[in-house]
Amino acid sequence: MEPNKLESLLKMFLDKTYSETKDRGHNYVICGSMATYLQGCNIQPNDIDILAMEPDGVSFVAGLMKEYEVESSPSQAVDDWLSSSNEPVFTDLSDDKGEQWYMARWSIDQIKVEIAHIVSEKAMKSSAEKRCIWENGPGMYPYIKSVEFHGYELHVIPLEIQLSTNMFRGLNERVSKILQTLQTKGYDKELLEKALTPEQFSTVTAQLDK
């Protein structure tokens, strides 16, 4: 996917949602590959993922994006579900997997745009045990970073925190790109130590200190 096309789509999303969500106190942060790209990493994002700080934020944004709803979702499977007039927000509160989901998703010019709020005691417990920061949880909130994007002050998840997730997922090429950016632009070593497991931190600092 061409970065310029994604940037244009993100700007459109911000034009429709930024001011109203800010005025109503519904905060969101760009996450996933788009956040990595916006912080200067030489990667090619494929979609736009947004994390809402509260469940109500998902519903509010869904209302602002109503024109992009489909008549009916092509599937009820979470990976293929899309916001529709009958079901603008997907909710999974069964907690069978130790998670609760609130999500709205649209396909715009065949690009996925998704905003979600995730409640996961399981992920919180796991990150505490591993001594790292879960990228999608409240432990990340104090470290949110701002970047300028087409006149907007846009919140993103810091690369230091994203690095741990990408290492857990085995995305070695993306890890390499993040490390290159941290070496070039500098990084918060204290945050890096909090964000990574001790093992990850040892591996990363050995590479960054070369």
Foldseek 3Di string as FASTA:
>chain_A
DDVVVQLVVVVVLCVQPVPVCVVVVWDKAWEDPVLVVLLPFPDDDQATEMETPDLVSQVVSLVSVVVQADCAFPDPPPVRGAAHPVRQWDWDPPCPVQKIKTKHWGQDPNHIHMYIQMDHPPQVVVCVVLQADDQRDPVQVVPWAWDDRPNDGHTYRDLLQVLQVCVVVVVVVSNVRSLVSCLVVPDDLVNNNRHHGPVVNVVSCVVSVD
